[in-house]
C-alpha atoms as a PDB file:
ATOM      1  CA  MET A   1      76.469 106.001  90.931  1.00  0.00           C
ATOM      2  CA  HIS A   2      77.432 102.315  90.885  1.00  0.00           C
ATOM      3  CA  ALA A   3      77.081 102.152  87.106  1.00  0.00           C
ATOM      4  CA  LEU A   4      79.130 105.320  86.665  1.00  0.00           C
ATOM      5  CA  ASN A   5      81.936 103.955  88.854  1.00  0.00           C
ATOM      6  CA  SER A   6      81.904 100.695  86.913  1.00  0.00           C
ATOM      7  CA  TRP A   7      82.076 102.634  83.628  1.00  0.00           C
ATOM      8  CA  ARG A   8      85.107 104.530  84.899  1.00  0.00           C
ATOM      9  CA  GLU A   9      86.816 101.340  86.039  1.00  0.00           C
ATOM     10  CA  GLU A  10      86.327  99.681  82.642  1.00  0.00           C
ATOM     11  CA  MET A  11      87.566 102.749  80.789  1.00  0.00           C
ATOM     12  CA  ARG A  12      90.558 103.003  83.096  1.00  0.00           C
ATOM     13  CA  SER A  13      91.348  99.351  82.390  1.00  0.00           C
ATOM     14  CA  ALA A  14      91.054  99.946  78.653  1.00  0.00           C
ATOM     15  CA  TYR A  15      93.370 102.971  78.914  1.00  0.00           C
ATOM     16  CA  LEU A  16      96.016 100.935  80.741  1.00  0.00           C
ATOM     17  CA  TYR A  17      95.561  97.897  78.486  1.00  0.00           C
ATOM     18  CA  ARG A  18      96.468 100.021  75.475  1.00  0.00           C
ATOM     19  CA  ILE A  19      99.593 101.339  77.184  1.00  0.00           C
ATOM     20  CA  VAL A  20     100.600  97.781  78.118  1.00  0.00           C
ATOM     21  CA  SER A  21      99.886  96.685  74.554  1.00  0.00           C
ATOM     22  CA  ASP A  22     102.175  99.402  73.209  1.00  0.00           C
ATOM     23  CA  GLU A  23     104.863  98.360  75.690  1.00  0.00           C
ATOM     24  CA  GLU A  24     104.564  94.751  74.459  1.00  0.00           C
ATOM     25  CA  SER A  25     104.861  95.798  70.808  1.00  0.00           C
ATOM     26  CA  GLY A  26     106.172  92.963  68.659  1.00  0.00           C
ATOM     27  CA  THR A  27     105.332  90.226  71.172  1.00  0.00           C
ATOM     28  CA  PRO A  28     102.366  87.798  71.290  1.00  0.00           C
ATOM     29  CA  ARG A  29     101.108  89.696  74.330  1.00  0.00           C
ATOM     30  CA  GLN A  30     100.530  92.855  72.312  1.00  0.00           C
ATOM     31  CA  LEU A  31      97.421  91.467  70.600  1.00  0.00           C
ATOM     32  CA  LEU A  32      96.122  90.012  73.863  1.00  0.00           C
ATOM     33  CA  PHE A  33      96.151  93.333  75.681  1.00  0.00           C
ATOM     34  CA  LEU A  34      94.748  95.160  72.677  1.00  0.00           C
ATOM     35  CA  GLU A  35      91.820  92.737  72.598  1.00  0.00           C
ATOM     36  CA  LEU A  36      91.385  93.079  76.349  1.00  0.00           C
ATOM     37  CA  ALA A  37      91.235  96.854  75.861  1.00  0.00           C
ATOM     38  CA  ARG A  38      88.469  96.430  73.308  1.00  0.00           C
ATOM     39  CA  ALA A  39      86.614  94.038  75.607  1.00  0.00           C
ATOM     40  CA  ALA A  40      86.849  96.546  78.469  1.00  0.00           C
ATOM     41  CA  GLU A  41      85.499  99.287  76.221  1.00  0.00           C
ATOM     42  CA  GLU A  42      82.601  97.024  75.238  1.00  0.00           C
ATOM     43  CA  GLN A  43      81.794  96.419  78.904  1.00  0.00           C
ATOM     44  CA  ALA A  44      82.035 100.149  79.508  1.00  0.00           C
ATOM     45  CA  GLY A  45      79.422 100.512  76.778  1.00  0.00           C
ATOM     46  CA  LEU A  46      77.137  98.164  78.691  1.00  0.00           C
ATOM     47  CA  TRP A  47      77.549 100.286  81.817  1.00  0.00           C
ATOM     48  CA  ALA A  48      76.855 103.406  79.771  1.00  0.00           C
ATOM     49  CA  ALA A  49      73.557 101.837  78.746  1.00  0.00           C
ATOM     50  CA  GLU A  50      72.750 101.214  82.412  1.00  0.00           C
ATOM     51  CA  ILE A  51      73.473 104.866  83.180  1.00  0.00           C
ATOM     52  CA  ARG A  52      71.051 105.958  80.456  1.00  0.00           C
ATOM     53  CA  LYS A  53      68.402 103.576  81.784  1.00  0.00           C
ATOM     54  CA  ALA A  54      68.704 105.370  85.110  1.00  0.00           C
ATOM     55  CA  GLY A  55      67.901 108.667  83.375  1.00  0.00           C
ATOM     56  CA  ALA A  56      71.435 110.112  83.284  1.00  0.00           C
ATOM     57  CA  GLU A  57      74.072 110.610  80.630  1.00  0.00           C
ATOM     58  CA  PRO A  58      77.497 108.912  80.774  1.00  0.00           C
ATOM     59  CA  PRO A  59      80.598 111.096  80.294  1.00  0.00           C
ATOM     60  CA  ALA A  60      81.312 111.992  76.682  1.00  0.00           C
ATOM     61  CA  SER A  61      84.895 110.783  77.003  1.00  0.00           C
ATOM     62  CA  TYR A  62      87.208 109.252  79.557  1.00  0.00           C
ATOM     63  CA  ARG A  63      89.800 111.412  81.284  1.00  0.00           C
ATOM     64  CA  PRO A  64      92.302 109.378  83.347  1.00  0.00           C
ATOM     65  CA  ASP A  65      92.832 110.494  86.917  1.00  0.00           C
ATOM     66  CA  PRO A  66      96.330 111.430  88.187  1.00  0.00           C
ATOM     67  CA  ARG A  67      96.981 107.953  89.620  1.00  0.00           C
ATOM     68  CA  THR A  68      96.161 106.287  86.299  1.00  0.00           C
ATOM     69  CA  ARG A  69      98.350 108.727  84.371  1.00  0.00           C
ATOM     70  CA  LEU A  70     101.207 108.101  86.802  1.00  0.00           C
ATOM     71  CA  VAL A  71     100.921 104.323  86.382  1.00  0.00           C
ATOM     72  CA  GLY A  72     100.846 104.745  82.607  1.00  0.00           C
ATOM     73  CA  TRP A  73     104.001 106.854  82.783  1.00  0.00           C
ATOM     74  CA  LEU A  74     105.710 104.250  84.968  1.00  0.00           C
ATOM     75  CA  ILE A  75     104.800 101.449  82.563  1.00  0.00           C
ATOM     76  CA  ARG A  76     106.547 103.310  79.750  1.00  0.00           C
ATOM     77  CA  ARG A  77     109.641 103.871  81.912  1.00  0.00           C
ATOM     78  CA  LEU A  78     109.897 100.601  83.857  1.00  0.00           C
ATOM     79  CA  GLY A  79     107.973  98.056  81.823  1.00  0.00           C
ATOM     80  CA  VAL A  80     105.003  95.940  82.834  1.00  0.00           C
ATOM     81  CA  ALA A  81     106.501  93.231  85.055  1.00  0.00           C
ATOM     82  CA  PRO A  82     107.677  95.525  87.910  1.00  0.00           C
ATOM     83  CA  LEU A  83     104.167  97.011  88.110  1.00  0.00           C
ATOM     84  CA  ARG A  84     102.094  93.851  87.874  1.00  0.00           C
ATOM     85  CA  GLY A  85     100.902  94.148  91.483  1.00  0.00           C
ATOM     86  CA  VAL A  86      99.798  97.743  90.947  1.00  0.00           C
ATOM     87  CA  LEU A  87      98.105  96.872  87.656  1.00  0.00           C
ATOM     88  CA  ALA A  88      96.263  93.921  89.211  1.00  0.00           C
ATOM     89  CA  ALA A  89      94.981  96.267  91.922  1.00  0.00           C
ATOM     90  CA  MET A  90      93.686  98.543  89.160  1.00  0.00           C
ATOM     91  CA  LYS A  91      91.761  95.682  87.550  1.00  0.00           C
ATOM     92  CA  VAL A  92      94.163  95.060  84.701  1.00  0.00           C
ATOM     93  CA  ARG A  93      93.888  91.388  83.832  1.00  0.00           C
ATOM     94  CA  GLY A  94      96.549  89.094  82.413  1.00  0.00           C
ATOM     95  CA  MET A  95      99.251  89.872  84.982  1.00  0.00           C
ATOM     96  CA  VAL A  96      99.612  86.136  85.597  1.00  0.00           C
ATOM     97  CA  LEU A  97     101.440  86.045  82.235  1.00  0.00           C
ATOM     98  CA  TYR A  98     104.412  87.686  83.942  1.00  0.00           C
ATOM     99  CA  HIS A  99     104.892  85.088  86.658  1.00  0.00           C
ATOM    100  CA  GLY A 100     102.916  81.956  85.855  1.00  0.00           C
ATOM    101  CA  PRO A 101     103.355  78.917  83.571  1.00  0.00           C
ATOM    102  CA  ALA A 102     101.045  78.203  80.713  1.00  0.00           C
ATOM    103  CA  PRO A 103      98.126  75.893  81.467  1.00  0.00           C
ATOM    104  CA  HIS A 104      98.210  72.553  79.668  1.00  0.00           C
ATOM    105  CA  ALA A 105      95.015  71.005  80.964  1.00  0.00           C
ATOM    106  CA  MET A 106      91.688  71.897  82.449  1.00  0.00           C
ATOM    107  CA  PRO A 107      92.245  72.963  86.069  1.00  0.00           C
ATOM    108  CA  THR A 108      90.314  70.902  88.607  1.00  0.00           C
ATOM    109  CA  SER A 109      89.288  71.513  92.186  1.00  0.00           C
ATOM    110  CA  ALA A 110      91.910  68.962  93.241  1.00  0.00           C
ATOM    111  CA  ASP A 111      94.578  70.974  91.417  1.00  0.00           C
ATOM    112  CA  PHE A 112      93.518  74.108  93.274  1.00  0.00           C
ATOM    113  CA  LYS A 113      93.530  72.317  96.640  1.00  0.00           C
ATOM    114  CA  GLU A 114      96.967  70.818  96.070  1.00  0.00           C
ATOM    115  CA  ARG A 115      98.425  74.129  94.859  1.00  0.00           C
ATOM    116  CA  ARG A 116      96.966  75.937  97.862  1.00  0.00           C
ATOM    117  CA  HIS A 117      98.381  73.393 100.291  1.00  0.00           C
ATOM    118  CA  ARG A 118     101.821  73.489  98.722  1.00  0.00           C
ATOM    119  CA  THR A 119     101.946  77.279  98.514  1.00  0.00           C
ATOM    120  CA  SER A 120     100.527  78.049 101.934  1.00  0.00           C
ATOM    121  CA  GLU A 121     102.609  75.450 103.748  1.00  0.00           C
ATOM    122  CA  GLY A 122     105.798  76.541 101.988  1.00  0.00           C
ATOM    123  CA  GLY A 123     105.007  80.191 102.629  1.00  0.00           C
ATOM    124  CA  ASN A 124     104.363  79.609 106.331  1.00  0.00           C
ATOM    125  CA  LEU A 125     107.589  77.662 106.781  1.00  0.00           C
ATOM    126  CA  ARG A 126     109.582  80.264 104.886  1.00  0.00           C
ATOM    127  CA  ALA A 127     108.108  83.100 106.977  1.00  0.00           C
ATOM    128  CA  ALA A 128     108.894  81.220 110.194  1.00  0.00           C
ATOM    129  CA  VAL A 129     112.521  80.586 109.220  1.00  0.00           C
ATOM    130  CA  PHE A 130     113.113  84.196 108.213  1.00  0.00           C
ATOM    131  CA  GLY A 131     111.342  85.451 111.336  1.00  0.00           C
ATOM    132  CA  VAL A 132     113.646  83.387 113.542  1.00  0.00           C
ATOM    133  CA  ASN A 133     116.633  84.650 111.547  1.00  0.00           C
ATOM    134  CA  ASP A 134     115.595  88.293 112.000  1.00  0.00           C
ATOM    135  CA  GLY A 135     115.207  87.872 115.744  1.00  0.00           C
ATOM    136  CA  LEU A 136     118.458  85.986 116.088  1.00  0.00           C
ATOM    137  CA  VAL A 137     120.645  88.438 114.166  1.00  0.00           C
ATOM    138  CA  SER A 138     119.103  91.643 115.508  1.00  0.00           C
ATOM    139  CA  ASN A 139     119.054  90.666 119.175  1.00  0.00           C
ATOM    140  CA  ALA A 140     122.457  88.989 119.095  1.00  0.00           C
ATOM    141  CA  SER A 141     123.908  92.163 117.600  1.00  0.00           C
ATOM    142  CA  LEU A 142     122.158  94.269 120.247  1.00  0.00           C
ATOM    143  CA  ILE A 143     123.417  92.097 123.114  1.00  0.00           C
ATOM    144  CA  LEU A 144     126.968  91.999 121.761  1.00  0.00           C
ATOM    145  CA  GLY A 145     126.960  95.753 121.246  1.00  0.00           C
ATOM    146  CA  VAL A 146     125.858  96.404 124.815  1.00  0.00           C
ATOM    147  CA  ALA A 147     128.340  93.826 126.126  1.00  0.00           C
ATOM    148  CA  GLY A 148     131.102  95.420 124.081  1.00  0.00           C
ATOM    149  CA  ALA A 149     130.364  98.733 125.792  1.00  0.00           C
ATOM    150  CA  GLY A 150     131.180  97.086 129.118  1.00  0.00           C
ATOM    151  CA  ALA A 151     127.670  97.132 130.554  1.00  0.00           C
ATOM    152  CA  GLU A 152     126.789  95.143 133.637  1.00  0.00           C
ATOM    153  CA  PRO A 153     125.111  91.746 133.064  1.00  0.00           C
ATOM    154  CA  HIS A 154     121.738  92.939 134.354  1.00  0.00           C
ATOM    155  CA  LEU A 155     121.791  95.801 131.842  1.00  0.00           C
ATOM    156  CA  ILE A 156     122.646  93.354 129.059  1.00  0.00           C
ATOM    157  CA  VAL A 157     119.681  91.184 130.074  1.00  0.00           C
ATOM    158  CA  LEU A 158     117.432  94.251 130.204  1.00  0.00           C
ATOM    159  CA  SER A 159     118.611  95.381 126.768  1.00  0.00           C
ATOM    160  CA  GLY A 160     118.157  91.895 125.312  1.00  0.00           C
ATOM    161  CA  ALA A 161     114.653  91.562 126.760  1.00  0.00           C
ATOM    162  CA  ALA A 162     113.720  95.014 125.477  1.00  0.00           C
ATOM    163  CA  GLY A 163     115.106  94.154 122.046  1.00  0.00           C
ATOM    164  CA  LEU A 164     113.143  90.898 121.992  1.00  0.00           C
ATOM    165  CA  LEU A 165     109.840  92.545 122.899  1.00  0.00           C
ATOM    166  CA  ALA A 166     110.292  95.655 120.763  1.00  0.00           C
ATOM    167  CA  GLY A 167     111.330  93.649 117.721  1.00  0.00           C
ATOM    168  CA  ALA A 168     108.611  91.033 118.139  1.00  0.00           C
ATOM    169  CA  PHE A 169     105.851  93.617 118.554  1.00  0.00           C
ATOM    170  CA  SER A 170     107.194  95.616 115.620  1.00  0.00           C
ATOM    171  CA  MET A 171     107.278  92.538 113.398  1.00  0.00           C
ATOM    172  CA  ALA A 172     103.780  91.518 114.515  1.00  0.00           C
ATOM    173  CA  ALA A 173     102.354  94.986 113.853  1.00  0.00           C
ATOM    174  CA  GLY A 174     103.971  95.169 110.422  1.00  0.00           C
ATOM    175  CA  GLU A 175     102.755  91.700 109.489  1.00  0.00           C
ATOM    176  CA  TYR A 176      99.217  92.481 110.661  1.00  0.00           C
ATOM    177  CA  VAL A 177      99.016  95.641 108.570  1.00  0.00           C
ATOM    178  CA  SER A 178     100.542  93.916 105.549  1.00  0.00           C
ATOM    179  CA  VAL A 179      98.302  90.843 105.611  1.00  0.00           C
ATOM    180  CA  ARG A 180      95.166  92.857 106.353  1.00  0.00           C
ATOM    181  CA  ALA A 181      95.862  95.182 103.427  1.00  0.00           C
ATOM    182  CA  GLN A 182      96.488  92.188 101.173  1.00  0.00           C
ATOM    183  CA  LYS A 183      93.314  90.484 102.400  1.00  0.00           C
ATOM    184  CA  GLU A 184      91.200  93.575 101.738  1.00  0.00           C
ATOM    185  CA  PHE A 185      92.765  93.946  98.288  1.00  0.00           C
ATOM    186  CA  PHE A 186      92.070  90.294  97.422  1.00  0.00           C
ATOM    187  CA  GLU A 187      88.486  90.510  98.691  1.00  0.00           C
ATOM    188  CA  TYR A 188      87.819  93.676  96.690  1.00  0.00           C
ATOM    189  CA  GLN A 189      89.228  92.266  93.468  1.00  0.00           C
ATOM    190  CA  ILE A 190      87.462  88.929  93.860  1.00  0.00           C
ATOM    191  CA  GLY A 191      84.226  90.764  94.631  1.00  0.00           C
ATOM    192  CA  LEU A 192      84.535  92.631  91.336  1.00  0.00           C
ATOM    193  CA  GLU A 193      85.133  89.387  89.490  1.00  0.00           C
ATOM    194  CA  ARG A 194      82.096  87.773  91.159  1.00  0.00           C
ATOM    195  CA  GLU A 195      79.883  90.684  90.156  1.00  0.00           C
ATOM    196  CA  GLU A 196      81.074  90.662  86.552  1.00  0.00           C
ATOM    197  CA  LEU A 197      80.783  86.891  86.340  1.00  0.00           C
ATOM    198  CA  ASP A 198      77.138  87.142  87.424  1.00  0.00           C
ATOM    199  CA  GLN A 199      76.307  89.944  84.990  1.00  0.00           C
ATOM    200  CA  TYR A 200      78.502  89.173  81.960  1.00  0.00           C
ATOM    201  CA  PRO A 201      79.563  85.499  81.985  1.00  0.00           C
ATOM    202  CA  GLN A 202      80.227  85.306  78.250  1.00  0.00           C
ATOM    203  CA  GLU A 203      82.430  88.393  78.261  1.00  0.00           C
ATOM    204  CA  GLU A 204      84.416  86.933  81.172  1.00  0.00           C
ATOM    205  CA  ALA A 205      84.803  83.665  79.252  1.00  0.00           C
ATOM    206  CA  ALA A 206      86.088  85.562  76.221  1.00  0.00           C
ATOM    207  CA  GLU A 207      88.694  87.413  78.326  1.00  0.00           C
ATOM    208  CA  LEU A 208      89.817  84.182  79.956  1.00  0.00           C
ATOM    209  CA  ALA A 209      90.160  82.523  76.554  1.00  0.00           C
ATOM    210  CA  LEU A 210      92.350  85.412  75.382  1.00  0.00           C
ATOM    211  CA  ILE A 211      94.675  84.922  78.332  1.00  0.00           C
ATOM    212  CA  TYR A 212      94.920  81.172  77.754  1.00  0.00           C
ATOM    213  CA  THR A 213      95.671  81.838  74.088  1.00  0.00           C
ATOM    214  CA  ALA A 214      98.457  84.242  75.008  1.00  0.00           C
ATOM    215  CA  LYS A 215      99.908  81.559  77.278  1.00  0.00           C
ATOM    216  CA  GLY A 216     100.259  79.161  74.370  1.00  0.00           C
ATOM    217  CA  VAL A 217      96.964  77.263  74.326  1.00  0.00           C
ATOM    218  CA  PRO A 218      95.436  76.856  70.836  1.00  0.00           C
ATOM    219  CA  ARG A 219      92.563  79.307  70.348  1.00  0.00           C
ATOM    220  CA  GLU A 220      89.810  76.700  69.974  1.00  0.00           C
ATOM    221  CA  GLU A 221      91.000  74.771  73.011  1.00  0.00           C
ATOM    222  CA  ALA A 222      91.293  77.987  75.011  1.00  0.00           C
ATOM    223  CA  GLN A 223      87.709  78.888  74.170  1.00  0.00           C
ATOM    224  CA  ARG A 224      86.524  75.398  75.117  1.00  0.00           C
ATOM    225  CA  MET A 225      88.377  75.553  78.445  1.00  0.00           C
ATOM    226  CA  ALA A 226      87.000  79.005  79.241  1.00  0.00           C
ATOM    227  CA  GLU A 227      83.405  78.102  78.392  1.00  0.00           C
ATOM    228  CA  LYS A 228      83.564  74.920  80.463  1.00  0.00           C
ATOM    229  CA  LEU A 229      84.973  76.810  83.429  1.00  0.00           C
ATOM    230  CA  ILE A 230      82.334  79.539  83.238  1.00  0.00           C
ATOM    231  CA  SER A 231      79.630  76.877  83.496  1.00  0.00           C
ATOM    232  CA  ASP A 232      80.761  76.157  87.074  1.00  0.00           C
ATOM    233  CA  PRO A 233      80.452  79.493  88.979  1.00  0.00           C
ATOM    234  CA  ASP A 234      82.638  78.516  91.946  1.00  0.00           C
ATOM    235  CA  ARG A 235      85.470  77.148  89.865  1.00  0.00           C
ATOM    236  CA  ALA A 236      85.058  79.967  87.362  1.00  0.00           C
ATOM    237  CA  LEU A 237      85.523  82.602  90.062  1.00  0.00           C
ATOM    238  CA  ASP A 238      88.614  80.829  91.373  1.00  0.00           C
ATOM    239  CA  THR A 239      90.112  80.569  87.893  1.00  0.00           C
ATOM    240  CA  LEU A 240      89.272  84.135  86.919  1.00  0.00           C
ATOM    241  CA  ALA A 241      90.998  85.441  90.013  1.00  0.00           C
ATOM    242  CA  ARG A 242      94.083  83.327  89.316  1.00  0.00           C
ATOM    243  CA  GLU A 243      94.358  83.734  85.559  1.00  0.00           C
ATOM    244  CA  GLU A 244      93.077  87.273  85.036  1.00  0.00           C
ATOM    245  CA  LEU A 245      94.370  88.961  88.179  1.00  0.00           C
ATOM    246  CA  GLY A 246      97.131  86.628  89.329  1.00  0.00           C
ATOM    247  CA  LEU A 247      95.466  86.276  92.748  1.00  0.00           C
ATOM    248  CA  ASN A 248      94.918  83.179  94.866  1.00  0.00           C
ATOM    249  CA  PRO A 249      91.457  83.260  96.512  1.00  0.00           C
ATOM    250  CA  GLU A 250      92.493  80.560  98.968  1.00  0.00           C
ATOM    251  CA  GLU A 251      95.334  82.635 100.407  1.00  0.00           C
ATOM    252  CA  LEU A 252      93.526  85.586 101.909  1.00  0.00           C
ATOM    253  CA  GLY A 253      95.209  84.790 105.197  1.00  0.00           C
ATOM    254  CA  SER A 254      94.425  85.807 108.762  1.00  0.00           C
ATOM    255  CA  PRO A 255      95.971  89.114 109.898  1.00  0.00           C
ATOM    256  CA  LEU A 256      95.861  88.066 113.561  1.00  0.00           C
ATOM    257  CA  GLY A 257      97.313  84.641 112.784  1.00  0.00           C
ATOM    258  CA  ALA A 258     100.097  86.167 110.706  1.00  0.00           C
ATOM    259  CA  ALA A 259     100.875  88.706 113.438  1.00  0.00           C
ATOM    260  CA  LEU A 260     101.015  86.024 116.131  1.00  0.00           C
ATOM    261  CA  SER A 261     103.211  83.766 114.015  1.00  0.00           C
ATOM    262  CA  SER A 262     105.574  86.640 113.257  1.00  0.00           C
ATOM    263  CA  PHE A 263     105.732  87.594 116.949  1.00  0.00           C
ATOM    264  CA  LEU A 264     106.535  84.044 118.042  1.00  0.00           C
ATOM    265  CA  ALA A 265     109.121  83.412 115.305  1.00  0.00           C
ATOM    266  CA  PHE A 266     110.990  86.644 116.020  1.00  0.00           C
ATOM    267  CA  ALA A 267     110.785  86.102 119.800  1.00  0.00           C
ATOM    268  CA  LEU A 268     112.160  82.570 119.430  1.00  0.00           C
ATOM    269  CA  GLY A 269     115.140  83.778 117.446  1.00  0.00           C
ATOM    270  CA  ALA A 270     115.746  86.737 119.772  1.00  0.00           C
ATOM    271  CA  ALA A 271     115.613  84.503 122.873  1.00  0.00           C
ATOM    272  CA  ILE A 272     118.525  82.343 121.708  1.00  0.00           C
ATOM    273  CA  PRO A 273     121.371  84.866 122.295  1.00  0.00           C
ATOM    274  CA  LEU A 274     119.663  86.101 125.468  1.00  0.00           C
ATOM    275  CA  ALA A 275     119.375  82.653 127.102  1.00  0.00           C
ATOM    276  CA  PRO A 276     123.043  82.324 128.225  1.00  0.00           C
ATOM    277  CA  TYR A 277     122.763  85.562 130.219  1.00  0.00           C
ATOM    278  CA  LEU A 278     119.747  84.107 132.021  1.00  0.00           C
ATOM    279  CA  LEU A 279     121.499  80.808 132.794  1.00  0.00           C
ATOM    280  CA  LEU A 280     125.171  81.743 133.208  1.00  0.00           C
ATOM    281  CA  SER A 281     127.208  84.572 134.686  1.00  0.00           C
ATOM    282  CA  GLY A 282     130.362  86.568 133.978  1.00  0.00           C
ATOM    283  CA  GLY A 283     132.464  85.795 130.922  1.00  0.00           C
ATOM    284  CA  ALA A 284     130.745  82.421 130.502  1.00  0.00           C
ATOM    285  CA  ALA A 285     127.510  84.191 129.577  1.00  0.00           C
ATOM    286  CA  LEU A 286     129.165  86.158 126.754  1.00  0.00           C
ATOM    287  CA  THR A 287     130.960  83.053 125.514  1.00  0.00           C
ATOM    288  CA  GLY A 288     127.700  81.125 125.643  1.00  0.00           C
ATOM    289  CA  THR A 289     125.914  83.808 123.650  1.00  0.00           C
ATOM    290  CA  ILE A 290     128.603  83.749 120.965  1.00  0.00           C
ATOM    291  CA  LEU A 291     128.518  79.939 120.720  1.00  0.00           C
ATOM    292  CA  VAL A 292     124.745  79.450 120.640  1.00  0.00           C
ATOM    293  CA  THR A 293     124.380  82.336 118.197  1.00  0.00           C
ATOM    294  CA  ALA A 294     127.021  80.869 115.878  1.00  0.00           C
ATOM    295  CA  VAL A 295     125.414  77.410 115.956  1.00  0.00           C
ATOM    296  CA  SER A 296     121.952  78.879 115.412  1.00  0.00           C
ATOM    297  CA  LEU A 297     123.123  81.065 112.528  1.00  0.00           C
ATOM    298  CA  PHE A 298     124.560  78.032 110.804  1.00  0.00           C
ATOM    299  CA  GLY A 299     121.337  76.108 111.411  1.00  0.00           C
ATOM    300  CA  VAL A 300     119.111  78.872 110.105  1.00  0.00           C
ATOM    301  CA  GLY A 301     121.329  79.305 107.050  1.00  0.00           C
ATOM    302  CA  SER A 302     121.068  75.585 106.371  1.00  0.00           C
ATOM    303  CA  ALA A 303     117.271  75.786 106.681  1.00  0.00           C
ATOM    304  CA  ILE A 304     117.133  78.714 104.261  1.00  0.00           C
ATOM    305  CA  SER A 305     118.915  76.533 101.703  1.00  0.00           C
ATOM    306  CA  LEU A 306     115.665  74.545 101.482  1.00  0.00           C
ATOM    307  CA  PHE A 307     114.182  77.526  99.630  1.00  0.00           C
ATOM    308  CA  THR A 308     117.241  78.524  97.608  1.00  0.00           C
ATOM    309  CA  GLY A 309     118.208  75.050  96.409  1.00  0.00           C
ATOM    310  CA  LYS A 310     121.817  75.587  97.483  1.00  0.00           C
ATOM    311  CA  GLN A 311     123.867  73.124  99.511  1.00  0.00           C
ATOM    312  CA  ALA A 312     122.997  73.266 103.211  1.00  0.00           C
ATOM    313  CA  TRP A 313     126.569  73.753 104.412  1.00  0.00           C
ATOM    314  CA  ARG A 314     127.069  76.655 102.020  1.00  0.00           C
ATOM    315  CA  GLY A 315     123.900  78.337 103.223  1.00  0.00           C
ATOM    316  CA  GLY A 316     124.857  77.770 106.834  1.00  0.00           C
ATOM    317  CA  LEU A 317     128.373  79.105 106.353  1.00  0.00           C
ATOM    318  CA  ARG A 318     127.129  82.158 104.494  1.00  0.00           C
ATOM    319  CA  MET A 319     124.636  83.003 107.244  1.00  0.00           C
ATOM    320  CA  LEU A 320     127.319  82.440 109.882  1.00  0.00           C
ATOM    321  CA  VAL A 321     129.639  84.885 108.118  1.00  0.00           C
ATOM    322  CA  ILE A 322     126.909  87.510 107.586  1.00  0.00           C
ATOM    323  CA  GLY A 323     125.380  87.270 111.053  1.00  0.00           C
ATOM    324  CA  GLY A 324     128.772  86.905 112.717  1.00  0.00           C
ATOM    325  CA  GLY A 325     130.048  89.939 110.864  1.00  0.00           C
ATOM    326  CA  ALA A 326     127.027  91.985 112.011  1.00  0.00           C
ATOM    327  CA  GLY A 327     127.574  90.901 115.607  1.00  0.00           C
ATOM    328  CA  LEU A 328     131.313  91.589 115.515  1.00  0.00           C
ATOM    329  CA  LEU A 329     130.819  95.025 114.001  1.00  0.00           C
ATOM    330  CA  THR A 330     128.214  95.912 116.621  1.00  0.00           C
ATOM    331  CA  TRP A 331     130.489  94.672 119.411  1.00  0.00           C
ATOM    332  CA  LEU A 332     133.349  96.830 118.095  1.00  0.00           C
ATOM    333  CA  ILE A 333     131.095  99.878 117.884  1.00  0.00           C
ATOM    334  CA  GLY A 334     129.863  99.230 121.408  1.00  0.00           C
ATOM    335  CA  ARG A 335     133.432  98.792 122.587  1.00  0.00           C
ATOM    336  CA  ALA A 336     134.464 102.093 121.010  1.00  0.00           C
ATOM    337  CA  LEU A 337     131.504 103.917 122.492  1.00  0.00           C
ATOM    338  CA  GLY A 338     132.142 102.383 125.883  1.00  0.00           C
ATOM    339  CA  VAL A 339     135.758 103.578 125.831  1.00  0.00           C
ATOM    340  CA  ALA A 340     134.783 107.028 124.548  1.00  0.00           C
ATOM    341  CA  LEU A 341     132.042 107.531 127.116  1.00  0.00           C
ATOM    342  CA  GLY A 342     133.825 105.794 129.953  1.00  0.00           C
END
């Protein structure tokens, strides 16, 4: 059964490689994916031999399942790049060509460690900033909407607290599901690569050399790089996952950690507009909420500029206008509803 499933996976890859090759007609990638299709068919032949050794007969021909046919149809309509995540999940190698630079030197373990540190740290900071922004804008809008409806202060506090908790738990649940699904996907794909590396190291080296060649490395140098990498199983597995599947083995992530971080970031942002109602009373509380929200929006917008490369004051002003507009609109809607229902 294992050999039959592996045969189907290789034939499915070959089927999709040929569609991708047709889509890349006239480009250097066309030959790469055509050769990868042939390599997948050769590996399917090896699995067919294993099936025969077990006393069974492999299928006479490959018939793609509905999912594979749908992906093939989408490739022809949308192109390859929008579907690279789906294709990587279906064991189609070379997707790194659509979002990664060409290698110019032999990757080292230090390169991997530095890239992991830079990517993971930047990703964590980015997620934290956007989590705070989500909490700030959503809860400020909620509080202003309820205040605009003329609700009593204790109801505003209750609404703000409910918005903080509901939003934070929702964000945490969504992040947990997302990261866990990504982790399981990474582990499955890397497990396949580990198995193939153990059974067919030379075939894996040939596929890796094809990808390096398509990324601009001279063929002889690409073959030398691939063969040297395959000689070190740990580094080979890391490189195969990165270069063939576009995955980062070091970034499997912790679903619980991601959920907790998302909860705390959202809660922090949501607590900012709520704080004045806990510390002040009457009109001063509403004024305080507007002021601290405006200052925080500008600060968050300035922080986001770290990732966009724009000037900090522009990012801050843009976020102030967007978040302020959302809050004002919600306040006006609340005001109208309060008048209508009052």
